[in-house]
Amino acid sequence: DRRIQGLEMLVLLECMKEFSDMILSRVLVGAIREALIVCLPEDMEKTAKVMTKILPSLRKAMEELKS
C-alpha cells in the first residue's frame, strides 16, 4: 500500500558503497499490509554481499509493520 523510501535509499547506498556500477540499479521497497516487498538489483552475487549489511534494517521494518 505504500513505498518505504528510507529503506530504498539505504539499499541503494549500500549497493553503491560496494559496487559503483549499481548506481544505475532500480531499488524499490514497499509494504502491503504486513508484508515487506523488496525489489533488489538483478546481479545476485553483488546483491548477496550487500544483503548482510541491510538485513538488520529490514528486520526492524518487519517488526514495525507487525505492530
PDB file of N, CA and C in Angstrom:
ATOM      1  N   ASP A   1       0.802  -1.200   0.000  1.00  0.00           N
ATOM      2  CA  ASP A   1       0.000   0.000   0.000  1.00  0.00           C
ATOM      3  C   ASP A   1       0.848   1.269   0.000  1.00  0.00           C
ATOM      4  N   ARG A   2       2.137   1.120   0.353  1.00  0.00           N
ATOM      5  CA  ARG A   2       2.994   2.314   0.384  1.00  0.00           C
ATOM      6  C   ARG A   2       4.457   1.940   0.138  1.00  0.00           C
ATOM      7  N   ARG A   3       5.201   2.902  -0.385  1.00  0.00           N
ATOM      8  CA  ARG A   3       6.643   2.725  -0.559  1.00  0.00           C
ATOM      9  C   ARG A   3       7.346   3.155   0.717  1.00  0.00           C
ATOM     10  N   ILE A   4       8.495   2.547   0.972  1.00  0.00           N
ATOM     11  CA  ILE A   4       9.312   2.907   2.128  1.00  0.00           C
ATOM     12  C   ILE A   4      10.623   3.455   1.578  1.00  0.00           C
ATOM     13  N   GLN A   5      10.627   4.745   1.319  1.00  0.00           N
ATOM     14  CA  GLN A   5      11.743   5.361   0.612  1.00  0.00           C
ATOM     15  C   GLN A   5      13.036   5.371   1.417  1.00  0.00           C
ATOM     16  N   GLY A   6      12.944   5.405   2.730  1.00  0.00           N
ATOM     17  CA  GLY A   6      14.154   5.364   3.551  1.00  0.00           C
ATOM     18  C   GLY A   6      14.925   4.067   3.354  1.00  0.00           C
ATOM     19  N   LEU A   7      14.207   2.956   3.302  1.00  0.00           N
ATOM     20  CA  LEU A   7      14.861   1.671   3.059  1.00  0.00           C
ATOM     21  C   LEU A   7      15.361   1.573   1.623  1.00  0.00           C
ATOM     22  N   GLU A   8      14.639   2.158   0.691  1.00  0.00           N
ATOM     23  CA  GLU A   8      15.115   2.182  -0.697  1.00  0.00           C
ATOM     24  C   GLU A   8      16.468   2.873  -0.768  1.00  0.00           C
ATOM     25  N   MET A   9      16.578   4.015  -0.093  1.00  0.00           N
ATOM     26  CA  MET A   9      17.831   4.768  -0.108  1.00  0.00           C
ATOM     27  C   MET A   9      18.944   3.979   0.575  1.00  0.00           C
ATOM     28  N   LEU A  10      18.629   3.326   1.687  1.00  0.00           N
ATOM     29  CA  LEU A  10      19.627   2.518   2.390  1.00  0.00           C
ATOM     30  C   LEU A  10      20.165   1.415   1.491  1.00  0.00           C
ATOM     31  N   VAL A  11      19.282   0.699   0.827  1.00  0.00           N
ATOM     32  CA  VAL A  11      19.703  -0.390  -0.056  1.00  0.00           C
ATOM     33  C   VAL A  11      20.575   0.158  -1.179  1.00  0.00           C
ATOM     34  N   LEU A  12      20.156   1.239  -1.803  1.00  0.00           N
ATOM     35  CA  LEU A  12      20.920   1.807  -2.909  1.00  0.00           C
ATOM     36  C   LEU A  12      22.286   2.310  -2.442  1.00  0.00           C
ATOM     37  N   LEU A  13      22.331   2.982  -1.295  1.00  0.00           N
ATOM     38  CA  LEU A  13      23.611   3.483  -0.784  1.00  0.00           C
ATOM     39  C   LEU A  13      24.568   2.348  -0.456  1.00  0.00           C
ATOM     40  N   GLU A  14      24.059   1.292   0.170  1.00  0.00           N
ATOM     41  CA  GLU A  14      24.920   0.153   0.487  1.00  0.00           C
ATOM     42  C   GLU A  14      25.415  -0.524  -0.785  1.00  0.00           C
ATOM     43  N   CYS A  15      24.567  -0.612  -1.786  1.00  0.00           N
ATOM     44  CA  CYS A  15      24.985  -1.181  -3.072  1.00  0.00           C
ATOM     45  C   CYS A  15      26.093  -0.339  -3.693  1.00  0.00           C
ATOM     46  N   MET A  16      25.932   0.971  -3.641  1.00  0.00           N
ATOM     47  CA  MET A  16      26.913   1.858  -4.264  1.00  0.00           C
ATOM     48  C   MET A  16      28.239   1.865  -3.520  1.00  0.00           C
ATOM     49  N   LYS A  17      28.216   1.648  -2.194  1.00  0.00           N
ATOM     50  CA  LYS A  17      29.464   1.582  -1.433  1.00  0.00           C
ATOM     51  C   LYS A  17      30.341   0.442  -1.932  1.00  0.00           C
ATOM     52  N   GLU A  18      29.718  -0.675  -2.215  1.00  0.00           N
ATOM     53  CA  GLU A  18      30.453  -1.863  -2.653  1.00  0.00           C
ATOM     54  C   GLU A  18      30.731  -1.858  -4.150  1.00  0.00           C
ATOM     55  N   PHE A  19      29.759  -1.419  -4.930  1.00  0.00           N
ATOM     56  CA  PHE A  19      29.840  -1.546  -6.387  1.00  0.00           C
ATOM     57  C   PHE A  19      29.307  -0.268  -7.029  1.00  0.00           C
ATOM     58  N   SER A  20      30.203   0.574  -7.490  1.00  0.00           N
ATOM     59  CA  SER A  20      29.786   1.873  -8.033  1.00  0.00           C
ATOM     60  C   SER A  20      28.887   1.741  -9.264  1.00  0.00           C
ATOM     61  N   ASP A  21      28.989   0.642  -9.990  1.00  0.00           N
ATOM     62  CA  ASP A  21      28.152   0.477 -11.182  1.00  0.00           C
ATOM     63  C   ASP A  21      26.685   0.231 -10.847  1.00  0.00           C
ATOM     64  N   MET A  22      26.379  -0.029  -9.584  1.00  0.00           N
ATOM     65  CA  MET A  22      24.996  -0.294  -9.191  1.00  0.00           C
ATOM     66  C   MET A  22      24.188   0.988  -9.007  1.00  0.00           C
ATOM     67  N   ILE A  23      24.813   2.149  -9.238  1.00  0.00           N
ATOM     68  CA  ILE A  23      24.073   3.405  -9.133  1.00  0.00           C
ATOM     69  C   ILE A  23      22.933   3.451 -10.149  1.00  0.00           C
ATOM     70  N   LEU A  24      23.062   2.701 -11.220  1.00  0.00           N
ATOM     71  CA  LEU A  24      22.022   2.667 -12.245  1.00  0.00           C
ATOM     72  C   LEU A  24      20.899   1.687 -11.914  1.00  0.00           C
ATOM     73  N   SER A  25      21.043   0.959 -10.809  1.00  0.00           N
ATOM     74  CA  SER A  25      20.043  -0.040 -10.432  1.00  0.00           C
ATOM     75  C   SER A  25      18.781   0.622  -9.902  1.00  0.00           C
ATOM     76  N   ARG A  26      17.684  -0.059 -10.089  1.00  0.00           N
ATOM     77  CA  ARG A  26      16.408   0.418  -9.567  1.00  0.00           C
ATOM     78  C   ARG A  26      16.060  -0.426  -8.350  1.00  0.00           C
ATOM     79  N   VAL A  27      15.918   0.224  -7.224  1.00  0.00           N
ATOM     80  CA  VAL A  27      15.598  -0.459  -5.975  1.00  0.00           C
ATOM     81  C   VAL A  27      14.250   0.056  -5.493  1.00  0.00           C
ATOM     82  N   LEU A  28      13.353  -0.855  -5.181  1.00  0.00           N
ATOM     83  CA  LEU A  28      12.049  -0.484  -4.641  1.00  0.00           C
ATOM     84  C   LEU A  28      11.799  -1.268  -3.364  1.00  0.00           C
ATOM     85  N   VAL A  29      11.293  -0.580  -2.345  1.00  0.00           N
ATOM     86  CA  VAL A  29      10.896  -1.221  -1.093  1.00  0.00           C
ATOM     87  C   VAL A  29       9.521  -0.681  -0.754  1.00  0.00           C
ATOM     88  N   GLY A  30       8.634  -1.582  -0.408  1.00  0.00           N
ATOM     89  CA  GLY A  30       7.289  -1.159  -0.072  1.00  0.00           C
ATOM     90  C   GLY A  30       6.624  -2.120   0.884  1.00  0.00           C
ATOM     91  N   ALA A  31       5.457  -1.747   1.318  1.00  0.00           N
ATOM     92  CA  ALA A  31       4.688  -2.577   2.237  1.00  0.00           C
ATOM     93  C   ALA A  31       3.261  -2.691   1.732  1.00  0.00           C
ATOM     94  N   ILE A  32       2.757  -3.893   1.797  1.00  0.00           N
ATOM     95  CA  ILE A  32       1.347  -4.158   1.543  1.00  0.00           C
ATOM     96  C   ILE A  32       0.838  -4.870   2.788  1.00  0.00           C
ATOM     97  N   ARG A  33      -0.017  -4.170   3.514  1.00  0.00           N
ATOM     98  CA  ARG A  33      -0.494  -4.631   4.821  1.00  0.00           C
ATOM     99  C   ARG A  33       0.707  -4.958   5.704  1.00  0.00           C
ATOM    100  N   GLU A  34       0.909  -6.222   6.075  1.00  0.00           N
ATOM    101  CA  GLU A  34       2.028  -6.596   6.940  1.00  0.00           C
ATOM    102  C   GLU A  34       3.182  -7.220   6.168  1.00  0.00           C
ATOM    103  N   ALA A  35       3.144  -7.148   4.851  1.00  0.00           N
ATOM    104  CA  ALA A  35       4.199  -7.747   4.022  1.00  0.00           C
ATOM    105  C   ALA A  35       5.179  -6.670   3.564  1.00  0.00           C
ATOM    106  N   LEU A  36       6.457  -6.970   3.691  1.00  0.00           N
ATOM    107  CA  LEU A  36       7.505  -6.088   3.200  1.00  0.00           C
ATOM    108  C   LEU A  36       7.975  -6.634   1.857  1.00  0.00           C
ATOM    109  N   ILE A  37       7.965  -5.795   0.836  1.00  0.00           N
ATOM    110  CA  ILE A  37       8.353  -6.211  -0.511  1.00  0.00           C
ATOM    111  C   ILE A  37       9.613  -5.445  -0.897  1.00  0.00           C
ATOM    112  N   VAL A  38      10.649  -6.197  -1.279  1.00  0.00           N
ATOM    113  CA  VAL A  38      11.926  -5.597  -1.642  1.00  0.00           C
ATOM    114  C   VAL A  38      12.301  -6.071  -3.040  1.00  0.00           C
ATOM    115  N   CYS A  39      12.427  -5.140  -3.971  1.00  0.00           N
ATOM    116  CA  CYS A  39      12.888  -5.446  -5.331  1.00  0.00           C
ATOM    117  C   CYS A  39      14.350  -5.032  -5.398  1.00  0.00           C
ATOM    118  N   LEU A  40      15.202  -6.023  -5.545  1.00  0.00           N
ATOM    119  CA  LEU A  40      16.641  -5.799  -5.495  1.00  0.00           C
ATOM    120  C   LEU A  40      17.246  -5.778  -6.891  1.00  0.00           C
ATOM    121  N   PRO A  41      18.468  -5.232  -7.006  1.00  0.00           N
ATOM    122  CA  PRO A  41      19.153  -5.267  -8.298  1.00  0.00           C
ATOM    123  C   PRO A  41      19.309  -6.703  -8.789  1.00  0.00           C
ATOM    124  N   GLU A  42      19.394  -6.871 -10.103  1.00  0.00           N
ATOM    125  CA  GLU A  42      19.379  -8.214 -10.682  1.00  0.00           C
ATOM    126  C   GLU A  42      20.676  -8.986 -10.512  1.00  0.00           C
ATOM    127  N   ASP A  43      21.786  -8.331 -10.227  1.00  0.00           N
ATOM    128  CA  ASP A  43      23.055  -9.044 -10.058  1.00  0.00           C
ATOM    129  C   ASP A  43      23.056  -9.718  -8.685  1.00  0.00           C
ATOM    130  N   MET A  44      22.733 -10.997  -8.665  1.00  0.00           N
ATOM    131  CA  MET A  44      22.540 -11.720  -7.406  1.00  0.00           C
ATOM    132  C   MET A  44      23.820 -11.822  -6.581  1.00  0.00           C
ATOM    133  N   GLU A  45      24.954 -11.959  -7.217  1.00  0.00           N
ATOM    134  CA  GLU A  45      26.216 -12.074  -6.483  1.00  0.00           C
ATOM    135  C   GLU A  45      26.518 -10.789  -5.717  1.00  0.00           C
ATOM    136  N   LYS A  46      26.362  -9.662  -6.384  1.00  0.00           N
ATOM    137  CA  LYS A  46      26.605  -8.378  -5.732  1.00  0.00           C
ATOM    138  C   LYS A  46      25.543  -8.100  -4.670  1.00  0.00           C
ATOM    139  N   THR A  47      24.309  -8.397  -4.989  1.00  0.00           N
ATOM    140  CA  THR A  47      23.217  -8.146  -4.053  1.00  0.00           C
ATOM    141  C   THR A  47      23.382  -8.972  -2.784  1.00  0.00           C
ATOM    142  N   ALA A  48      23.828 -10.210  -2.912  1.00  0.00           N
ATOM    143  CA  ALA A  48      24.030 -11.074  -1.743  1.00  0.00           C
ATOM    144  C   ALA A  48      25.049 -10.468  -0.789  1.00  0.00           C
ATOM    145  N   LYS A  49      26.084  -9.853  -1.313  1.00  0.00           N
ATOM    146  CA  LYS A  49      27.096  -9.222  -0.458  1.00  0.00           C
ATOM    147  C   LYS A  49      26.518  -8.038   0.308  1.00  0.00           C
ATOM    148  N   VAL A  50      25.613  -7.322  -0.305  1.00  0.00           N
ATOM    149  CA  VAL A  50      25.018  -6.141   0.317  1.00  0.00           C
ATOM    150  C   VAL A  50      23.944  -6.535   1.338  1.00  0.00           C
ATOM    151  N   MET A  51      23.261  -7.637   1.105  1.00  0.00           N
ATOM    152  CA  MET A  51      22.146  -8.048   1.972  1.00  0.00           C
ATOM    153  C   MET A  51      22.561  -8.202   3.431  1.00  0.00           C
ATOM    154  N   THR A  52      23.766  -8.689   3.690  1.00  0.00           N
ATOM    155  CA  THR A  52      24.196  -8.861   5.080  1.00  0.00           C
ATOM    156  C   THR A  52      24.230  -7.529   5.820  1.00  0.00           C
ATOM    157  N   LYS A  53      24.459  -6.454   5.109  1.00  0.00           N
ATOM    158  CA  LYS A  53      24.516  -5.134   5.736  1.00  0.00           C
ATOM    159  C   LYS A  53      23.134  -4.539   5.971  1.00  0.00           C
ATOM    160  N   ILE A  54      22.169  -4.896   5.145  1.00  0.00           N
ATOM    161  CA  ILE A  54      20.848  -4.267   5.268  1.00  0.00           C
ATOM    162  C   ILE A  54      19.832  -5.129   6.015  1.00  0.00           C
ATOM    163  N   LEU A  55      20.167  -6.391   6.283  1.00  0.00           N
ATOM    164  CA  LEU A  55      19.212  -7.270   6.971  1.00  0.00           C
ATOM    165  C   LEU A  55      18.736  -6.730   8.317  1.00  0.00           C
ATOM    166  N   PRO A  56      19.608  -6.163   9.163  1.00  0.00           N
ATOM    167  CA  PRO A  56      19.095  -5.619  10.433  1.00  0.00           C
ATOM    168  C   PRO A  56      18.011  -4.553  10.227  1.00  0.00           C
ATOM    169  N   SER A  57      18.184  -3.703   9.239  1.00  0.00           N
ATOM    170  CA  SER A  57      17.174  -2.669   8.966  1.00  0.00           C
ATOM    171  C   SER A  57      15.889  -3.278   8.436  1.00  0.00           C
ATOM    172  N   LEU A  58      16.006  -4.322   7.625  1.00  0.00           N
ATOM    173  CA  LEU A  58      14.810  -4.998   7.114  1.00  0.00           C
ATOM    174  C   LEU A  58      14.061  -5.694   8.245  1.00  0.00           C
ATOM    175  N   ARG A  59      14.798  -6.287   9.177  1.00  0.00           N
ATOM    176  CA  ARG A  59      14.147  -6.927  10.338  1.00  0.00           C
ATOM    177  C   ARG A  59      13.366  -5.899  11.153  1.00  0.00           C
ATOM    178  N   LYS A  60      13.984  -4.752  11.385  1.00  0.00           N
ATOM    179  CA  LYS A  60      13.311  -3.701  12.153  1.00  0.00           C
ATOM    180  C   LYS A  60      12.049  -3.234  11.431  1.00  0.00           C
ATOM    181  N   ALA A  61      12.129  -3.092  10.127  1.00  0.00           N
ATOM    182  CA  ALA A  61      10.957  -2.676   9.350  1.00  0.00           C
ATOM    183  C   ALA A  61       9.845  -3.708   9.464  1.00  0.00           C
ATOM    184  N   MET A  62      10.195  -4.987   9.420  1.00  0.00           N
ATOM    185  CA  MET A  62       9.186  -6.050   9.558  1.00  0.00           C
ATOM    186  C   MET A  62       8.511  -5.981  10.923  1.00  0.00           C
ATOM    187  N   GLU A  63       9.300  -5.756  11.972  1.00  0.00           N
ATOM    188  CA  GLU A  63       8.732  -5.654  13.319  1.00  0.00           C
ATOM    189  C   GLU A  63       7.765  -4.477  13.411  1.00  0.00           C
ATOM    190  N   GLU A  64       8.123  -3.362  12.793  1.00  0.00           N
ATOM    191  CA  GLU A  64       7.250  -2.184  12.829  1.00  0.00           C
ATOM    192  C   GLU A  64       5.965  -2.415  12.046  1.00  0.00           C
ATOM    193  N   LEU A  65       6.043  -3.174  10.962  1.00  0.00           N
ATOM    194  CA  LEU A  65       4.837  -3.473  10.190  1.00  0.00           C
ATOM    195  C   LEU A  65       3.874  -4.353  10.978  1.00  0.00           C
ATOM    196  N   LYS A  66       4.409  -5.238  11.799  1.00  0.00           N
ATOM    197  CA  LYS A  66       3.562  -6.149  12.581  1.00  0.00           C
ATOM    198  C   LYS A  66       2.847  -5.429  13.710  1.00  0.00           C
ATOM    199  N   SER A  67       3.444  -4.333  14.203  1.00  0.00           N
ATOM    200  CA  SER A  67       2.822  -3.643  15.346  1.00  0.00           C
ATOM    201  C   SER A  67       1.812  -2.606  14.920  1.00  0.00           C
TER     202      SER A  67
END
